[in-house]
Protein backbone atom coordinates (compact mmCIF):
# COMPACT_ATOMS: atom_id res chain seq x y z
CA GLU A 1 5.39 -21.56 -10.72
CA PRO A 2 5.49 -22.39 -14.47
CA GLU A 3 3.55 -25.62 -13.96
CA GLY A 4 0.56 -23.55 -12.88
CA PHE A 5 0.23 -21.91 -16.30
CA PRO A 6 0.10 -24.74 -18.87
CA THR A 7 -1.66 -22.65 -21.55
CA ALA A 8 0.92 -19.84 -21.59
CA ASP A 9 3.19 -19.85 -24.64
CA TYR A 10 6.06 -18.14 -22.83
CA LEU A 11 6.83 -17.28 -19.23
CA VAL A 12 9.36 -14.49 -18.68
CA LEU A 13 9.98 -14.57 -14.92
CA ASN A 14 12.04 -12.76 -12.28
CA GLU A 15 13.27 -9.24 -13.04
CA ALA A 16 12.60 -8.09 -16.59
CA GLU A 17 15.94 -6.28 -16.90
CA VAL A 18 17.59 -9.72 -16.78
CA THR A 19 15.17 -12.09 -18.50
CA LEU A 20 13.27 -9.96 -21.03
CA PRO A 21 16.31 -9.17 -23.25
CA ARG A 22 17.12 -12.89 -23.46
CA PHE A 23 13.56 -13.71 -24.48
CA LEU A 24 13.38 -10.93 -27.09
CA SER A 25 16.72 -11.96 -28.57
CA ASP A 26 15.67 -15.62 -28.83
CA LEU A 27 12.27 -14.63 -30.23
CA ALA A 28 13.87 -12.50 -32.94
CA ALA A 29 16.15 -15.43 -33.80
CA GLY A 30 13.17 -17.78 -34.08
CA ARG A 31 14.20 -20.06 -31.20
CA PRO A 32 12.40 -18.85 -28.05
CA GLU A 33 12.31 -21.07 -24.98
CA ARG A 34 9.11 -21.44 -23.01
CA VAL A 35 10.42 -20.37 -19.60
CA TYR A 36 12.99 -17.73 -18.76
CA THR A 37 14.27 -17.41 -15.20
CA ALA A 38 17.26 -15.81 -13.51
CA HIS A 39 19.13 -16.34 -10.27
CA GLU A 40 20.93 -12.99 -10.28
CA PHE A 41 19.40 -9.65 -9.33
CA ALA A 42 19.11 -6.81 -11.81
CA ASP A 43 21.26 -3.69 -11.61
CA VAL A 44 18.44 -1.17 -11.30
CA ARG A 45 20.86 1.67 -12.05
CA GLN A 46 20.61 0.48 -15.65
CA THR A 47 16.79 0.45 -15.75
CA PRO A 48 15.53 2.77 -18.52
CA VAL A 49 12.87 5.45 -18.19
CA PRO A 50 9.43 3.90 -18.86
CA LEU A 51 7.78 4.80 -22.16
CA TRP A 52 4.92 6.66 -20.48
CA GLU A 53 3.74 7.91 -23.88
CA LEU A 54 2.43 4.41 -24.63
CA ALA A 55 -0.14 4.79 -21.83
CA ASP A 56 -3.31 6.87 -21.93
CA LEU A 57 -2.53 8.88 -18.81
CA LYS A 58 -6.09 10.23 -18.60
CA ARG A 59 -7.24 6.76 -17.57
CA TYR A 60 -5.08 6.66 -14.43
CA ALA A 61 -5.66 8.07 -10.95
CA ALA A 62 -1.95 7.83 -10.10
CA MET A 63 1.27 6.92 -11.84
CA ASN A 64 3.90 4.60 -10.38
CA VAL A 65 7.66 4.88 -10.15
CA GLN A 66 10.11 2.60 -8.37
CA TYR A 67 13.22 3.73 -6.54
CA SER A 68 14.36 0.54 -4.82
CA ARG A 69 13.88 -3.22 -4.70
CA GLY A 70 14.43 -5.41 -1.67
CA CYS A 71 13.74 -5.10 2.04
CA PRO A 72 16.03 -5.43 5.08
CA PHE A 73 13.35 -7.22 7.10
CA ASN A 74 12.27 -10.86 6.90
CA CYS A 75 8.56 -11.18 7.67
CA GLU A 76 7.52 -14.83 7.50
CA PHE A 77 4.54 -14.32 5.19
CA CYS A 78 6.24 -11.93 2.73
CA ASN A 79 7.92 -13.02 -0.50
CA VAL A 80 9.62 -9.70 -1.25
CA THR A 81 12.99 -10.83 0.04
CA ALA A 82 12.72 -14.12 -1.86
CA LEU A 83 12.06 -12.15 -5.05
CA PHE A 84 14.32 -9.15 -4.56
CA GLY A 85 16.72 -9.87 -1.70
CA HIS A 86 17.43 -8.39 1.74
CA VAL A 87 19.76 -5.61 0.57
CA PRO A 88 17.77 -2.80 -1.06
CA ARG A 89 19.07 -1.93 -4.52
CA VAL A 90 18.42 1.69 -5.45
CA LYS A 91 18.25 3.74 -8.60
CA THR A 92 20.18 6.97 -8.78
CA ALA A 93 18.42 10.21 -7.96
CA ALA A 94 19.02 11.28 -11.55
CA GLN A 95 17.04 8.27 -12.81
CA ILE A 96 14.04 9.13 -10.65
CA ILE A 97 14.12 12.78 -11.70
CA ALA A 98 14.29 11.69 -15.35
CA GLU A 99 11.18 9.53 -14.84
CA LEU A 100 9.32 12.41 -13.17
CA ASP A 101 10.43 14.85 -15.87
CA SER A 102 9.13 12.46 -18.51
CA LEU A 103 5.75 12.22 -16.82
CA TYR A 104 5.54 15.98 -16.29
CA ALA A 105 6.42 16.68 -19.92
CA LEU A 106 3.47 14.52 -20.97
CA GLY A 107 1.13 16.66 -18.88
CA TRP A 108 0.83 14.49 -15.77
CA ARG A 109 -0.11 16.54 -12.69
CA GLY A 110 -1.66 13.86 -10.49
CA ASN A 111 -0.21 11.81 -7.66
CA VAL A 112 2.87 9.61 -8.08
CA PHE A 113 3.17 6.42 -6.05
CA PHE A 114 6.63 5.12 -5.22
CA VAL A 115 5.88 1.39 -5.34
CA ASP A 116 8.92 0.33 -3.31
CA ASP A 117 8.04 -2.35 -0.78
CA ASN A 118 9.91 -0.27 1.81
CA LEU A 119 11.14 3.13 0.65
CA ILE A 120 13.24 3.61 3.79
CA GLY A 121 15.14 0.35 3.38
CA ASN A 122 18.28 2.31 2.42
CA LYS A 123 18.02 5.37 4.64
CA ARG A 124 21.46 6.79 3.86
CA HIS A 125 20.91 6.98 0.11
CA LEU A 126 17.36 8.21 0.62
CA LYS A 127 18.45 11.06 2.91
CA GLU A 128 21.60 12.05 1.05
CA GLU A 129 20.53 11.72 -2.58
CA LEU A 130 16.87 11.11 -3.41
CA LEU A 131 15.05 13.42 -1.01
CA PRO A 132 17.24 16.48 -1.74
CA ALA A 133 16.69 15.86 -5.46
CA LEU A 134 12.92 15.60 -4.98
CA ARG A 135 12.83 18.81 -2.94
CA ALA A 136 14.69 20.62 -5.72
CA TRP A 137 12.40 19.13 -8.38
CA ARG A 138 9.25 20.29 -6.60
CA ALA A 139 10.62 23.76 -5.84
CA ARG A 140 8.78 25.19 -8.83
CA ASP A 141 5.37 24.36 -7.29
CA ARG A 142 4.65 21.50 -9.66
CA GLY A 143 1.58 20.41 -7.67
CA ILE A 144 2.48 16.71 -7.69
CA ARG A 145 2.29 14.79 -4.42
CA PHE A 146 3.97 11.49 -3.60
CA GLN A 147 2.82 8.35 -1.80
CA THR A 148 4.81 5.26 -0.86
CA GLU A 149 5.19 2.21 1.40
CA VAL A 150 7.34 2.25 4.54
CA SER A 151 7.89 0.24 7.70
CA ILE A 152 6.54 1.57 11.00
CA ASN A 153 10.03 2.35 12.31
CA LEU A 154 9.87 5.53 10.21
CA ALA A 155 8.05 6.96 13.24
CA ASP A 156 11.30 6.60 15.22
CA ASP A 157 13.18 8.92 12.84
CA GLU A 158 11.76 12.41 13.21
CA GLU A 159 14.33 13.92 10.85
CA LEU A 160 13.61 11.46 8.03
CA THR A 161 9.85 11.86 8.50
CA ARG A 162 10.18 15.63 8.20
CA GLU A 163 12.39 15.30 5.10
CA LEU A 164 9.88 12.98 3.42
CA VAL A 165 7.09 15.50 3.98
CA GLU A 166 9.27 18.37 2.74
CA ALA A 167 10.03 16.34 -0.39
CA GLY A 168 6.32 16.04 -1.18
CA PHE A 169 5.21 12.77 0.42
CA ASP A 170 1.79 12.99 2.05
CA THR A 171 0.70 9.33 2.34
CA VAL A 172 2.46 6.17 3.50
CA PHE A 173 1.22 2.60 3.47
CA VAL A 174 2.40 0.71 6.56
CA GLY A 175 2.12 -2.99 7.26
CA ILE A 176 0.64 -2.84 10.76
CA GLU A 177 -0.62 -6.45 10.43
CA THR A 178 -1.94 -6.92 13.98
CA PRO A 179 -2.00 -5.31 17.43
CA ASP A 180 -1.21 -8.72 18.96
CA ASP A 181 2.44 -9.02 19.97
CA GLN A 182 2.42 -12.82 19.93
CA SER A 183 1.27 -12.82 16.32
CA LEU A 184 3.92 -10.24 15.44
CA ALA A 185 6.56 -12.47 17.04
CA GLU A 186 5.22 -15.48 15.16
CA CYS A 187 5.59 -13.81 11.77
CA GLY A 188 8.94 -12.18 12.54
CA LYS A 189 7.64 -8.61 12.27
CA VAL A 190 10.37 -7.35 14.58
CA GLN A 191 10.02 -3.70 13.56
CA ASN A 192 6.43 -3.64 14.88
CA ARG A 193 7.12 -5.28 18.23
CA ARG A 194 7.67 -3.70 21.64
CA ARG A 195 6.23 -0.39 20.62
CA ASP A 196 2.99 1.50 21.00
CA LEU A 197 1.73 1.05 17.44
CA ALA A 198 -1.10 3.54 17.86
CA ALA A 199 1.33 6.21 19.10
CA SER A 200 3.63 5.53 16.13
CA VAL A 201 0.72 6.02 13.73
CA ARG A 202 -0.29 9.29 15.38
CA ARG A 203 3.30 10.54 15.25
CA LEU A 204 3.33 10.10 11.48
CA GLN A 205 -0.10 11.70 11.08
CA ARG A 206 0.92 14.75 13.11
CA ALA A 207 4.07 15.05 11.01
CA GLY A 208 1.97 15.41 7.85
CA LEU A 209 1.54 11.83 6.61
CA GLN A 210 -1.73 10.04 6.09
CA VAL A 211 -1.17 6.46 7.23
CA GLN A 212 -2.80 3.69 5.24
CA GLY A 213 -2.58 0.33 6.96
CA GLY A 214 -2.36 -3.32 6.06
CA PHE A 215 -3.90 -5.78 8.56
CA ILE A 216 -3.96 -9.57 8.68
CA VAL A 217 -6.00 -12.14 10.58
CA GLY A 218 -5.33 -15.87 10.62
CA PHE A 219 -2.02 -16.13 12.46
CA ASP A 220 -1.56 -19.25 14.57
CA ALA A 221 -1.42 -17.09 17.71
CA ASP A 222 -4.72 -15.33 16.92
CA THR A 223 -7.59 -16.01 19.29
CA PRO A 224 -11.27 -15.11 18.75
CA THR A 225 -10.63 -11.77 20.48
CA ILE A 226 -8.45 -10.59 17.58
CA PHE A 227 -11.40 -9.47 15.47
CA GLN A 228 -12.66 -6.92 18.00
CA ARG A 229 -9.09 -5.82 18.75
CA GLN A 230 -8.45 -5.14 15.08
CA ILE A 231 -11.67 -3.13 14.80
CA GLU A 232 -10.84 -1.07 17.88
CA PHE A 233 -7.28 -0.40 16.76
CA ILE A 234 -8.33 0.73 13.29
CA GLN A 235 -11.02 3.03 14.67
CA ARG A 236 -8.85 4.44 17.45
CA THR A 237 -5.95 5.34 15.14
CA GLY A 238 -8.01 6.89 12.37
CA ILE A 239 -6.48 4.70 9.66
CA VAL A 240 -9.12 5.46 7.05
CA THR A 241 -7.70 3.16 4.36
CA ALA A 242 -7.50 -0.07 6.34
CA MET A 243 -6.73 -3.01 4.06
CA VAL A 244 -7.67 -6.11 6.03
CA GLY A 245 -6.94 -9.53 4.59
CA LEU A 246 -6.72 -13.18 5.51
CA LEU A 247 -3.25 -14.59 6.00
CA GLN A 248 -1.91 -16.23 2.85
CA ALA A 249 1.16 -18.43 2.37
CA PRO A 250 2.81 -17.66 -0.99
CA ARG A 251 5.40 -20.03 -2.38
CA GLY A 252 8.93 -18.97 -1.57
CA THR A 253 8.08 -17.59 1.85
CA ARG A 254 9.24 -18.94 5.19
CA LEU A 255 5.56 -19.31 6.09
CA TYR A 256 4.91 -21.61 3.13
CA GLN A 257 7.94 -23.70 4.01
CA ARG A 258 6.88 -24.04 7.65
CA LEU A 259 3.29 -24.93 6.84
CA ALA A 260 4.45 -27.43 4.22
CA ARG A 261 6.60 -29.16 6.83
CA GLU A 262 3.58 -29.27 9.11
CA GLY A 263 1.39 -30.73 6.34
CA ARG A 264 -0.98 -27.74 6.40
CA ILE A 265 -0.68 -26.42 2.82
CA LEU A 266 -3.87 -26.94 0.81
CA ASP A 267 -3.26 -25.12 -2.46
CA ASP A 268 -1.57 -22.13 -4.07
CA ILE A 269 -2.80 -18.66 -3.18
CA THR A 270 -5.34 -16.95 -5.42
CA GLY A 271 -3.53 -13.62 -5.21
CA ASP A 272 -6.56 -11.95 -3.60
CA ASN A 273 -6.45 -11.99 0.19
CA THR A 274 -9.98 -10.57 0.41
CA ASP A 275 -11.75 -13.35 -1.51
CA GLY A 276 -12.30 -15.51 1.59
CA SER A 277 -9.94 -18.26 0.48
CA LEU A 278 -7.27 -19.91 2.63
CA ASN A 279 -4.45 -21.94 1.11
CA PHE A 280 -3.55 -23.59 4.41
CA VAL A 281 -5.22 -25.14 7.44
CA PRO A 282 -5.49 -22.44 10.16
CA ARG A 283 -5.17 -23.12 13.88
CA MET A 284 -8.45 -21.33 14.56
CA ASP A 285 -11.61 -23.01 13.36
CA ARG A 286 -11.88 -22.08 9.70
CA GLU A 287 -15.51 -20.97 9.81
CA GLN A 288 -14.88 -18.92 12.93
CA LEU A 289 -11.93 -17.22 11.22
CA LEU A 290 -13.91 -16.41 8.09
CA ALA A 291 -16.87 -15.13 10.10
CA GLY A 292 -14.60 -12.92 12.19
CA TYR A 293 -12.87 -11.57 9.10
CA ARG A 294 -16.19 -10.69 7.48
CA ARG A 295 -17.28 -9.00 10.70
CA ILE A 296 -14.22 -6.72 10.64
CA LEU A 297 -14.98 -5.54 7.11
CA GLN A 298 -18.68 -5.09 7.79
CA GLU A 299 -18.00 -2.95 10.87
CA ILE A 300 -15.09 -0.75 9.77
CA TYR A 301 -16.67 0.10 6.43
CA ALA A 302 -20.17 0.69 7.71
CA PRO A 303 -20.91 4.40 7.07
CA HIS A 304 -20.99 5.47 10.73
CA ALA A 305 -17.63 3.86 11.56
CA TYR A 306 -16.01 4.96 8.31
CA TYR A 307 -16.95 8.63 8.60
CA GLU A 308 -16.03 8.66 12.28
CA ARG A 309 -12.61 7.31 11.32
CA ILE A 310 -12.13 10.17 8.87
CA ARG A 311 -12.85 12.66 11.66
CA THR A 312 -10.39 10.90 13.96
CA PHE A 313 -7.72 11.19 11.28
CA LEU A 314 -8.48 14.84 10.52
CA ARG A 315 -8.16 15.72 14.22
CA GLU A 316 -4.57 14.41 14.23
CA TYR A 317 -3.40 15.28 10.72
CA GLN A 318 -1.10 18.27 10.35
CA PRO A 319 -0.38 18.64 6.61
CA ALA A 320 2.69 20.37 5.28
CA PRO A 321 2.34 24.07 4.44
CA GLY A 322 1.45 24.84 0.86
CA LYS A 323 -1.41 25.15 -1.55
CA TYR A 324 -3.72 22.27 -2.37
CA HIS A 325 -3.94 22.02 -6.16
CA ILE A 326 -7.50 21.08 -7.14
CA THR A 327 -7.95 19.59 -10.57
CA ARG A 328 -10.98 19.75 -12.83
CA ALA A 329 -11.55 16.02 -12.28
CA GLU A 330 -11.64 16.59 -8.52
CA VAL A 331 -14.23 19.36 -8.91
CA VAL A 332 -16.40 17.02 -10.97
CA ALA A 333 -15.97 14.24 -8.40
CA PHE A 334 -16.95 16.65 -5.60
CA LEU A 335 -20.15 17.67 -7.39
CA ARG A 336 -21.02 14.03 -8.00
CA SER A 337 -20.41 13.24 -4.34
CA LEU A 338 -23.01 15.81 -3.32
CA TYR A 339 -25.62 13.78 -5.17
CA ARG A 340 -24.42 10.22 -4.64
CA LEU A 341 -23.10 10.45 -1.08
CA GLY A 342 -25.25 13.32 0.09
CA LEU A 343 -28.61 12.19 -1.31
CA ARG A 344 -28.58 8.58 -2.49
CA GLU A 345 -26.40 6.50 -0.17
CA ALA A 346 -27.49 5.08 3.17
CA GLY A 347 -24.71 7.01 4.93
CA ARG A 348 -25.82 10.41 3.69
CA LEU A 349 -26.40 11.76 7.21
CA GLN A 350 -22.81 10.88 8.18
CA TYR A 351 -21.57 12.50 4.94
CA TRP A 352 -23.22 15.81 5.75
CA LYS A 353 -22.03 15.68 9.36
CA LEU A 354 -18.45 15.29 8.15
CA PHE A 355 -19.02 17.92 5.46
CA PHE A 356 -19.98 20.67 7.90
CA TRP A 357 -17.71 19.46 10.74
CA THR A 358 -14.70 19.83 8.43
CA LEU A 359 -15.77 23.24 7.13
CA LEU A 360 -16.12 24.49 10.72
CA ARG A 361 -13.21 22.70 12.42
CA ARG A 362 -10.58 21.92 9.75
CA PRO A 363 -11.50 23.95 6.64
CA ARG A 364 -8.04 23.56 5.09
CA LEU A 365 -8.58 19.80 5.08
CA PHE A 366 -11.96 19.96 3.34
CA PRO A 367 -10.58 18.52 0.05
CA VAL A 368 -9.03 15.64 2.01
CA ALA A 369 -12.33 14.93 3.77
CA ILE A 370 -14.24 14.83 0.49
CA THR A 371 -11.60 12.66 -1.18
CA LEU A 372 -11.71 10.12 1.64
CA SER A 373 -15.52 10.16 1.56
CA ILE A 374 -15.44 9.28 -2.12
CA TYR A 375 -12.91 6.50 -1.46
CA GLY A 376 -15.49 5.01 0.86
CA VAL A 377 -17.70 4.12 -2.12
CA HIS A 378 -14.98 1.82 -3.43
CA PHE A 379 -14.14 0.41 0.00
CA ARG A 380 -17.77 -0.47 0.71
CA ARG A 381 -18.00 -2.19 -2.67
CA VAL A 382 -14.93 -4.30 -1.84
CA ALA A 383 -16.27 -5.05 1.62
CA ARG A 384 -19.65 -6.18 0.26
CA ARG A 385 -17.97 -8.51 -2.22
CA ALA A 386 -15.63 -9.94 0.45
CA THR A 387 -18.46 -10.52 2.91
CA ALA A 388 -20.96 -11.94 0.45
CA GLY A 389 -19.94 -15.49 1.31
């Protein structure tokens, strides 16, 4: 929304492959316009390899690549299809391998996140081209693991799940949103409906994928029971990284259009769905909704619940065969955790319980347990900030 940024000299919007060359050409000619937009979608098969050498890779925990844009689904609150369309556009396997080769040549050995909004949107191309190429690329024991975002219907495709794990994926972010079927129907999340969501999560965990989950409260169909139901679902499924936010209505979404027709839009979104702001009038009492949201964060990220959730996950998780490559940075982080988590923090008793439980019960997963314990420091910081109001 250009009108929301009056102090910006130039606004280069939509996909950069389309609008950035126009801006740079006009700028070089001394006649740049203020706003550049496009109605057509970019041909991502022409997207160049990023100039990774311009970044200080030592300052990053993970590097990002993108294979596809667009999503076949049409969730009411999501603006992905408005931005990128319903038909996923994919890069060639050769493009992705070139991006990974470039990163590897610069010394990158950490995780790589495929930032696609739904990696499995084009299953045929994924199965036939990208995953075989990734398996071949990793055949030389490069030590790099992949993470991505998928829809929950991945759990229905055992073959694809296995191929993702064999290609090096060990973590998937899934938009669970809510265990309430009425709320799922309201927002058009058809892929999540009429299924046992907890069983789908466990199926992915047992196949070798850690499931990170996105959750939302504030749907019109939500009742005051939704807060406890969300807590119970998150704890029961062992979704350690549970990103819970308040419903937001971005411009361009079907949700925004519906709420605007109903006269319920208050403002534009802030872009942070954990800051306690609502840009629309909810059906539930606003203060009750905010209090319930804060309660979810306080409970799921309290040390006892958080460490218990790690154990629940580790009981189910069956990682792919292979060595776990431990970096120097991870060794340093482990030693720091012994002091900070094991001696200083309020949850130190739970830390040591998990520490020895994992060594005795799931020793191969000890690095995973420590990593998730360290993540908890960040999650508790976010939860404290979100619940401060």
